[in-house]
Amino acid sequence: MSALTAAGIYFGSFIAVGAAAYWAVRRWVSRRDLDLSGVQADLGPRRGTREMFLLGVWRKEGPDT
């Protein structure tokens, strides 16, 4: 088996699993009529700001950012 075939099988399986998970979560969220702004509104005004490390960058997350 060549290196390109092995890499295709390896990375292709990760892409396929990721696409299936994305599709399943998207379908689940649409069935329950959820969206991110609704979830954040449910948390209320007392939700504080917090710093998070995401993909190599520090960012602030909170109700007013």
Protein backbone atom coordinates (compact mmCIF):
# COMPACT_ATOMS: atom_id res chain seq x y z
CA MET A 1 0.00 0.00 0.00
CA SER A 2 1.43 3.35 -0.94
CA ALA A 3 1.79 6.22 1.48
CA LEU A 4 -0.82 8.28 -0.39
CA THR A 5 -3.39 5.50 -0.13
CA ALA A 6 -2.74 5.10 3.59
CA ALA A 7 -2.98 8.86 4.12
CA GLY A 8 -6.21 8.99 2.11
CA ILE A 9 -7.78 6.25 4.21
CA TYR A 10 -6.56 7.81 7.46
CA PHE A 11 -7.59 11.40 6.76
CA GLY A 12 -10.68 10.38 4.81
CA SER A 13 -12.05 8.48 7.78
CA PHE A 14 -11.60 11.55 10.03
CA ILE A 15 -13.35 13.74 7.47
CA ALA A 16 -16.19 11.24 7.13
CA VAL A 17 -16.68 10.97 10.91
CA GLY A 18 -16.57 14.75 11.27
CA ALA A 19 -19.09 15.26 8.47
CA ALA A 20 -21.42 12.66 9.98
CA ALA A 21 -21.20 14.29 13.43
CA TYR A 22 -21.81 17.74 11.95
CA TRP A 23 -24.86 16.47 10.08
CA ALA A 24 -26.24 14.68 13.16
CA VAL A 25 -25.81 17.70 15.48
CA ARG A 26 -27.27 20.06 12.90
CA ARG A 27 -30.30 17.81 12.45
CA TRP A 28 -30.77 17.43 16.24
CA VAL A 29 -30.60 21.20 16.78
CA SER A 30 -33.05 21.96 13.97
CA ARG A 31 -35.56 19.39 15.28
CA ARG A 32 -35.60 21.10 18.68
CA ASP A 33 -35.70 24.60 17.15
CA LEU A 34 -32.60 25.75 19.04
CA ASP A 35 -30.18 28.53 18.21
CA LEU A 36 -27.19 30.00 19.98
CA SER A 37 -28.81 33.34 20.81
CA GLY A 38 -31.72 31.55 22.49
CA VAL A 39 -29.40 29.44 24.61
CA GLN A 40 -27.40 32.51 25.65
CA ALA A 41 -30.63 34.35 26.54
CA ASP A 42 -31.64 31.42 28.76
CA LEU A 43 -28.45 31.86 30.77
CA GLY A 44 -29.69 35.25 31.95
CA PRO A 45 -28.14 38.65 32.54
CA ARG A 46 -26.06 37.52 35.52
CA ARG A 47 -23.85 35.42 33.28
CA GLY A 48 -20.34 36.73 33.74
CA THR A 49 -17.57 37.36 31.27
CA ARG A 50 -14.81 34.79 31.07
CA GLU A 51 -11.59 34.39 29.17
CA MET A 52 -11.21 31.31 27.00
CA PHE A 53 -8.30 29.90 25.04
CA LEU A 54 -9.51 28.81 21.62
CA LEU A 55 -7.29 27.73 18.73
CA GLY A 56 -4.22 29.48 20.10
CA VAL A 57 -5.94 32.79 20.88
CA TRP A 58 -7.22 34.19 24.17
CA ARG A 59 -10.69 35.65 23.75
CA LYS A 60 -13.34 37.09 26.05
CA GLU A 61 -16.74 35.48 26.06
CA GLY A 62 -19.73 36.98 27.74
CA PRO A 63 -23.13 38.58 27.32
CA ASP A 64 -21.83 41.98 26.21
CA THR A 65 -18.91 40.94 23.97
